[in-house]
C-alpha atoms as a PDB file:
ATOM      1  CA  MET A   1       0.750 -31.384  46.539  1.00  0.00           C
ATOM      2  CA  THR A   2      -2.744 -31.203  47.986  1.00  0.00           C
ATOM      3  CA  GLY A   3      -4.763 -28.260  49.235  1.00  0.00           C
ATOM      4  CA  VAL A   4      -7.862 -27.870  51.377  1.00  0.00           C
ATOM      5  CA  GLY A   5     -10.693 -30.261  50.451  1.00  0.00           C
ATOM      6  CA  SER A   6     -10.828 -30.430  46.676  1.00  0.00           C
ATOM      7  CA  VAL A   7      -8.924 -27.141  46.176  1.00  0.00           C
ATOM      8  CA  PRO A   8      -5.333 -27.675  44.909  1.00  0.00           C
ATOM      9  CA  ALA A   9      -2.724 -26.087  47.135  1.00  0.00           C
ATOM     10  CA  ALA A  10      -1.404 -24.052  44.206  1.00  0.00           C
ATOM     11  CA  ALA A  11      -4.814 -22.366  43.875  1.00  0.00           C
ATOM     12  CA  LEU A  12      -5.088 -21.404  47.547  1.00  0.00           C
ATOM     13  CA  ASP A  13      -3.424 -18.344  49.074  1.00  0.00           C
ATOM     14  CA  PRO A  14      -0.534 -19.624  51.264  1.00  0.00           C
ATOM     15  CA  GLU A  15      -1.688 -17.586  54.275  1.00  0.00           C
ATOM     16  CA  LEU A  16      -5.224 -18.945  54.002  1.00  0.00           C
ATOM     17  CA  ASP A  17      -3.917 -22.483  53.536  1.00  0.00           C
ATOM     18  CA  ALA A  18      -1.831 -22.170  56.712  1.00  0.00           C
ATOM     19  CA  ALA A  19      -4.735 -20.692  58.680  1.00  0.00           C
ATOM     20  CA  VAL A  20      -7.103 -23.462  57.625  1.00  0.00           C
ATOM     21  CA  ARG A  21      -4.576 -26.170  58.480  1.00  0.00           C
ATOM     22  CA  ALA A  22      -4.103 -24.639  61.944  1.00  0.00           C
ATOM     23  CA  ARG A  23      -7.776 -25.148  62.787  1.00  0.00           C
ATOM     24  CA  PRO A  24      -8.513 -27.730  65.486  1.00  0.00           C
ATOM     25  CA  GLY A  25      -9.739 -30.922  63.872  1.00  0.00           C
ATOM     26  CA  PHE A  26      -8.283 -30.113  60.443  1.00  0.00           C
ATOM     27  CA  GLY A  27      -8.391 -33.183  58.235  1.00  0.00           C
ATOM     28  CA  THR A  28     -11.312 -34.814  60.050  1.00  0.00           C
ATOM     29  CA  GLU A  29     -14.061 -32.912  58.206  1.00  0.00           C
ATOM     30  CA  ALA A  30     -16.712 -34.615  56.108  1.00  0.00           C
ATOM     31  CA  ARG A  31     -15.776 -34.570  52.444  1.00  0.00           C
ATOM     32  CA  LEU A  32     -18.164 -34.041  49.562  1.00  0.00           C
ATOM     33  CA  ASP A  33     -16.533 -36.904  47.661  1.00  0.00           C
ATOM     34  CA  ASP A  34     -17.805 -39.310  50.330  1.00  0.00           C
ATOM     35  CA  ILE A  35     -21.193 -40.444  48.991  1.00  0.00           C
ATOM     36  CA  ALA A  36     -22.176 -42.037  52.323  1.00  0.00           C
ATOM     37  CA  VAL A  37     -21.751 -38.667  54.022  1.00  0.00           C
ATOM     38  CA  ILE A  38     -23.678 -36.947  51.253  1.00  0.00           C
ATOM     39  CA  ARG A  39     -26.618 -39.312  51.656  1.00  0.00           C
ATOM     40  CA  SER A  40     -26.632 -38.899  55.440  1.00  0.00           C
ATOM     41  CA  LEU A  41     -26.961 -35.123  55.008  1.00  0.00           C
ATOM     42  CA  ARG A  42     -30.161 -35.397  52.945  1.00  0.00           C
ATOM     43  CA  ASP A  43     -32.562 -36.022  55.815  1.00  0.00           C
ATOM     44  CA  THR A  44     -32.728 -32.970  58.059  1.00  0.00           C
ATOM     45  CA  PRO A  45     -35.494 -34.259  60.395  1.00  0.00           C
ATOM     46  CA  ALA A  46     -33.518 -37.461  61.044  1.00  0.00           C
ATOM     47  CA  MET A  47     -30.334 -35.508  61.773  1.00  0.00           C
ATOM     48  CA  LEU A  48     -32.164 -33.188  64.156  1.00  0.00           C
ATOM     49  CA  ALA A  49     -33.775 -36.148  65.914  1.00  0.00           C
ATOM     50  CA  ALA A  50     -30.358 -37.737  66.381  1.00  0.00           C
ATOM     51  CA  LEU A  51     -29.233 -34.504  68.043  1.00  0.00           C
ATOM     52  CA  GLY A  52     -32.335 -34.350  70.239  1.00  0.00           C
ATOM     53  CA  ARG A  53     -33.647 -31.302  68.408  1.00  0.00           C
ATOM     54  CA  SER A  54     -36.679 -30.533  66.269  1.00  0.00           C
ATOM     55  CA  LEU A  55     -37.535 -28.224  63.402  1.00  0.00           C
ATOM     56  CA  PRO A  56     -38.062 -24.574  64.389  1.00  0.00           C
ATOM     57  CA  GLY A  57     -41.543 -23.079  64.277  1.00  0.00           C
ATOM     58  CA  ASP A  58     -43.180 -19.674  64.016  1.00  0.00           C
ATOM     59  CA  ASP A  59     -46.701 -18.950  65.265  1.00  0.00           C
ATOM     60  CA  ARG A  60     -47.144 -16.474  62.417  1.00  0.00           C
ATOM     61  CA  VAL A  61     -46.759 -19.154  59.737  1.00  0.00           C
ATOM     62  CA  ALA A  62     -48.701 -22.350  58.932  1.00  0.00           C
ATOM     63  CA  VAL A  63     -46.573 -25.063  57.324  1.00  0.00           C
ATOM     64  CA  GLU A  64     -47.673 -28.016  55.223  1.00  0.00           C
ATOM     65  CA  ASN A  65     -46.192 -30.496  52.770  1.00  0.00           C
ATOM     66  CA  ARG A  66     -47.823 -31.234  49.436  1.00  0.00           C
ATOM     67  CA  GLU A  67     -47.031 -33.753  46.734  1.00  0.00           C
ATOM     68  CA  VAL A  68     -47.723 -32.430  43.254  1.00  0.00           C
ATOM     69  CA  PRO A  69     -47.091 -33.644  39.691  1.00  0.00           C
ATOM     70  CA  GLY A  70     -43.395 -33.641  38.874  1.00  0.00           C
ATOM     71  CA  ARG A  71     -41.284 -33.277  35.768  1.00  0.00           C
ATOM     72  CA  THR A  72     -42.456 -36.632  34.369  1.00  0.00           C
ATOM     73  CA  PRO A  73     -45.869 -38.348  34.587  1.00  0.00           C
ATOM     74  CA  GLU A  74     -44.597 -40.952  37.054  1.00  0.00           C
ATOM     75  CA  ARG A  75     -42.709 -38.525  39.290  1.00  0.00           C
ATOM     76  CA  ARG A  76     -44.220 -36.806  42.333  1.00  0.00           C
ATOM     77  CA  LEU A  77     -42.659 -33.610  43.639  1.00  0.00           C
ATOM     78  CA  LEU A  78     -42.576 -32.634  47.313  1.00  0.00           C
ATOM     79  CA  LEU A  79     -43.288 -28.980  48.077  1.00  0.00           C
ATOM     80  CA  ARG A  80     -43.201 -27.438  51.550  1.00  0.00           C
ATOM     81  CA  LEU A  81     -45.576 -24.471  51.850  1.00  0.00           C
ATOM     82  CA  TYR A  82     -45.102 -21.689  54.386  1.00  0.00           C
ATOM     83  CA  ARG A  83     -48.307 -19.672  54.585  1.00  0.00           C
ATOM     84  CA  PRO A  84     -48.164 -16.481  56.665  1.00  0.00           C
ATOM     85  CA  ARG A  85     -51.155 -15.572  58.796  1.00  0.00           C
ATOM     86  CA  HIS A  86     -51.808 -12.595  56.529  1.00  0.00           C
ATOM     87  CA  VAL A  87     -51.017 -13.488  52.918  1.00  0.00           C
ATOM     88  CA  GLU A  88     -50.262 -10.353  50.915  1.00  0.00           C
ATOM     89  CA  GLY A  89     -50.678 -11.997  47.500  1.00  0.00           C
ATOM     90  CA  GLY A  90     -47.080 -12.673  46.553  1.00  0.00           C
ATOM     91  CA  ALA A  91     -45.307 -16.027  46.384  1.00  0.00           C
ATOM     92  CA  LEU A  92     -41.671 -17.079  46.505  1.00  0.00           C
ATOM     93  CA  VAL A  93     -40.556 -20.384  44.985  1.00  0.00           C
ATOM     94  CA  PHE A  94     -37.515 -21.209  47.117  1.00  0.00           C
ATOM     95  CA  LEU A  95     -34.644 -23.612  46.432  1.00  0.00           C
ATOM     96  CA  HIS A  96     -32.409 -24.744  49.281  1.00  0.00           C
ATOM     97  CA  GLY A  97     -28.630 -24.707  49.291  1.00  0.00           C
ATOM     98  CA  GLY A  98     -26.350 -27.735  49.498  1.00  0.00           C
ATOM     99  CA  ALA A  99     -23.816 -27.713  46.640  1.00  0.00           C
ATOM    100  CA  TYR A 100     -26.355 -29.485  44.373  1.00  0.00           C
ATOM    101  CA  VAL A 101     -25.732 -32.726  46.317  1.00  0.00           C
ATOM    102  CA  LEU A 102     -27.022 -32.050  49.863  1.00  0.00           C
ATOM    103  CA  GLY A 103     -30.114 -30.849  51.684  1.00  0.00           C
ATOM    104  CA  ASP A 104     -33.881 -31.128  51.530  1.00  0.00           C
ATOM    105  CA  VAL A 105     -36.970 -28.950  51.960  1.00  0.00           C
ATOM    106  CA  TYR A 106     -36.354 -28.802  55.723  1.00  0.00           C
ATOM    107  CA  VAL A 107     -32.733 -27.666  55.748  1.00  0.00           C
ATOM    108  CA  GLU A 108     -33.640 -23.955  55.497  1.00  0.00           C
ATOM    109  CA  GLU A 109     -36.739 -24.075  57.671  1.00  0.00           C
ATOM    110  CA  GLN A 110     -35.779 -20.996  59.692  1.00  0.00           C
ATOM    111  CA  ARG A 111     -35.073 -18.908  56.603  1.00  0.00           C
ATOM    112  CA  CYS A 112     -38.363 -19.888  54.926  1.00  0.00           C
ATOM    113  CA  LEU A 113     -40.370 -19.214  58.085  1.00  0.00           C
ATOM    114  CA  HIS A 114     -38.733 -15.789  58.400  1.00  0.00           C
ATOM    115  CA  LEU A 115     -39.321 -14.885  54.753  1.00  0.00           C
ATOM    116  CA  ALA A 116     -42.988 -15.846  54.945  1.00  0.00           C
ATOM    117  CA  ALA A 117     -43.633 -14.102  58.257  1.00  0.00           C
ATOM    118  CA  GLU A 118     -41.830 -10.875  57.396  1.00  0.00           C
ATOM    119  CA  THR A 119     -42.955 -10.431  53.776  1.00  0.00           C
ATOM    120  CA  GLY A 120     -46.486 -11.825  53.842  1.00  0.00           C
ATOM    121  CA  ALA A 121     -45.599 -13.974  50.823  1.00  0.00           C
ATOM    122  CA  LEU A 122     -46.429 -17.636  50.450  1.00  0.00           C
ATOM    123  CA  VAL A 123     -43.055 -19.406  50.408  1.00  0.00           C
ATOM    124  CA  VAL A 124     -42.911 -22.710  48.522  1.00  0.00           C
ATOM    125  CA  SER A 125     -39.753 -24.756  49.025  1.00  0.00           C
ATOM    126  CA  VAL A 126     -39.092 -27.350  46.305  1.00  0.00           C
ATOM    127  CA  GLU A 127     -37.543 -30.770  46.976  1.00  0.00           C
ATOM    128  CA  TYR A 128     -35.459 -30.860  43.812  1.00  0.00           C
ATOM    129  CA  ALA A 129     -33.363 -33.786  42.554  1.00  0.00           C
ATOM    130  CA  LEU A 130     -29.763 -34.011  43.759  1.00  0.00           C
ATOM    131  CA  ALA A 131     -26.558 -35.198  42.119  1.00  0.00           C
ATOM    132  CA  PRO A 132     -24.828 -37.554  41.645  1.00  0.00           C
ATOM    133  CA  GLU A 133     -27.849 -39.866  41.391  1.00  0.00           C
ATOM    134  CA  GLU A 134     -29.835 -37.340  39.358  1.00  0.00           C
ATOM    135  CA  PRO A 135     -27.443 -34.931  37.633  1.00  0.00           C
ATOM    136  CA  PHE A 136     -28.276 -31.578  36.062  1.00  0.00           C
ATOM    137  CA  PRO A 137     -30.728 -30.645  34.633  1.00  0.00           C
ATOM    138  CA  SER A 138     -32.937 -32.886  36.816  1.00  0.00           C
ATOM    139  CA  GLY A 139     -32.962 -30.417  39.729  1.00  0.00           C
ATOM    140  CA  LEU A 140     -33.712 -27.514  37.419  1.00  0.00           C
ATOM    141  CA  GLU A 141     -36.609 -29.392  35.825  1.00  0.00           C
ATOM    142  CA  ASP A 142     -38.008 -30.116  39.305  1.00  0.00           C
ATOM    143  CA  ALA A 143     -37.727 -26.416  40.134  1.00  0.00           C
ATOM    144  CA  TYR A 144     -39.569 -25.563  36.921  1.00  0.00           C
ATOM    145  CA  ALA A 145     -42.329 -28.061  37.740  1.00  0.00           C
ATOM    146  CA  GLY A 146     -42.696 -26.428  41.165  1.00  0.00           C
ATOM    147  CA  LEU A 147     -42.868 -22.951  39.638  1.00  0.00           C
ATOM    148  CA  CYS A 148     -45.491 -24.074  37.114  1.00  0.00           C
ATOM    149  CA  TRP A 149     -47.578 -25.653  39.885  1.00  0.00           C
ATOM    150  CA  VAL A 150     -47.554 -22.455  41.951  1.00  0.00           C
ATOM    151  CA  SER A 151     -48.536 -20.390  38.917  1.00  0.00           C
ATOM    152  CA  GLY A 152     -51.203 -22.861  37.876  1.00  0.00           C
ATOM    153  CA  GLN A 153     -52.687 -23.002  41.387  1.00  0.00           C
ATOM    154  CA  ALA A 154     -52.314 -19.265  42.050  1.00  0.00           C
ATOM    155  CA  GLU A 155     -56.003 -18.554  42.552  1.00  0.00           C
ATOM    156  CA  ALA A 156     -56.515 -21.489  44.921  1.00  0.00           C
ATOM    157  CA  LEU A 157     -53.399 -20.475  46.855  1.00  0.00           C
ATOM    158  CA  GLY A 158     -54.470 -16.842  47.149  1.00  0.00           C
ATOM    159  CA  VAL A 159     -51.505 -15.753  45.050  1.00  0.00           C
ATOM    160  CA  ASP A 160     -51.326 -12.979  42.463  1.00  0.00           C
ATOM    161  CA  ARG A 161     -49.916 -14.696  39.359  1.00  0.00           C
ATOM    162  CA  GLY A 162     -48.087 -11.481  38.507  1.00  0.00           C
ATOM    163  CA  ARG A 163     -46.238 -11.478  41.844  1.00  0.00           C
ATOM    164  CA  ILE A 164     -44.379 -14.794  41.796  1.00  0.00           C
ATOM    165  CA  ALA A 165     -40.680 -14.617  42.641  1.00  0.00           C
ATOM    166  CA  VAL A 166     -37.934 -17.231  42.646  1.00  0.00           C
ATOM    167  CA  GLY A 167     -35.077 -17.464  45.094  1.00  0.00           C
ATOM    168  CA  GLY A 168     -32.695 -19.617  47.029  1.00  0.00           C
ATOM    169  CA  SER A 169     -29.337 -19.729  48.729  1.00  0.00           C
ATOM    170  CA  SER A 170     -25.989 -20.885  47.375  1.00  0.00           C
ATOM    171  CA  ALA A 171     -26.661 -23.771  44.962  1.00  0.00           C
ATOM    172  CA  GLY A 172     -30.379 -23.077  45.297  1.00  0.00           C
ATOM    173  CA  ALA A 173     -29.800 -19.475  44.259  1.00  0.00           C
ATOM    174  CA  GLY A 174     -27.878 -20.697  41.230  1.00  0.00           C
ATOM    175  CA  LEU A 175     -30.832 -22.887  40.342  1.00  0.00           C
ATOM    176  CA  ALA A 176     -33.209 -19.961  40.883  1.00  0.00           C
ATOM    177  CA  ALA A 177     -31.248 -17.847  38.398  1.00  0.00           C
ATOM    178  CA  ALA A 178     -31.261 -20.717  35.895  1.00  0.00           C
ATOM    179  CA  LEU A 179     -34.989 -21.161  36.551  1.00  0.00           C
ATOM    180  CA  ALA A 180     -35.682 -17.546  35.605  1.00  0.00           C
ATOM    181  CA  LEU A 181     -33.820 -18.037  32.327  1.00  0.00           C
ATOM    182  CA  LEU A 182     -35.581 -21.346  31.630  1.00  0.00           C
ATOM    183  CA  ALA A 183     -39.022 -19.879  32.293  1.00  0.00           C
ATOM    184  CA  ARG A 184     -38.276 -17.013  29.911  1.00  0.00           C
ATOM    185  CA  ARG A 185     -37.006 -19.369  27.206  1.00  0.00           C
ATOM    186  CA  ARG A 186     -40.053 -21.630  27.478  1.00  0.00           C
ATOM    187  CA  GLY A 187     -42.562 -18.821  27.758  1.00  0.00           C
ATOM    188  CA  GLY A 188     -43.433 -20.201  31.167  1.00  0.00           C
ATOM    189  CA  PRO A 189     -44.659 -18.397  34.284  1.00  0.00           C
ATOM    190  CA  GLU A 190     -43.603 -14.773  34.541  1.00  0.00           C
ATOM    191  CA  ILE A 191     -41.195 -14.036  37.376  1.00  0.00           C
ATOM    192  CA  CYS A 192     -41.323 -10.661  39.098  1.00  0.00           C
ATOM    193  CA  PHE A 193     -38.173 -10.912  41.225  1.00  0.00           C
ATOM    194  CA  GLN A 194     -35.106 -13.027  42.005  1.00  0.00           C
ATOM    195  CA  LEU A 195     -33.904 -13.417  45.606  1.00  0.00           C
ATOM    196  CA  LEU A 196     -30.374 -14.767  45.159  1.00  0.00           C
ATOM    197  CA  VAL A 197     -28.542 -15.311  48.462  1.00  0.00           C
ATOM    198  CA  TYR A 198     -24.779 -15.884  47.879  1.00  0.00           C
ATOM    199  CA  PRO A 199     -25.597 -17.633  44.575  1.00  0.00           C
ATOM    200  CA  MET A 200     -23.391 -20.242  42.928  1.00  0.00           C
ATOM    201  CA  LEU A 201     -23.322 -18.794  39.420  1.00  0.00           C
ATOM    202  CA  ASP A 202     -19.891 -19.736  38.058  1.00  0.00           C
END
């Protein structure tokens, strides 16, 4: 007996199972066990271009990509920086959602623009490694490398080293929580706040 997606039918409330099955198009959804689909969902600009759309913008925020040293000497790490017109000194190291297998630094462009514009914080989105090609803890180590770079470059970035936060959504929020624990264990950069949006913690 099968349930919805990878959820066994026995674990799903019968009313919910019936409601989901009644949806138009049920059974035609992309599945996370389809690696070709997973890979196609890792390039947000390409997907938007295919739809005739482009990344959102905000006149209050300047955006740039930077490649910085990664978790190993040969690895480079992509960071996307969202600098508000009036930087207030804080920074947020942000990790996108995507079930640990999907997404990129562009997938939460609107959220990062909004956070930067409304808080005055420099938002730094980290392009962390994704499974199954690079399983845990690769993504977490990338996140830690990004956090260390922001802390190490705080003065040049106009950031108060004592006001660095971590955050993310869904899988990214789970990584952010793990990042806070890892930084504490390693005596790494101090973290002043966690912004965990519907975090995957279990």
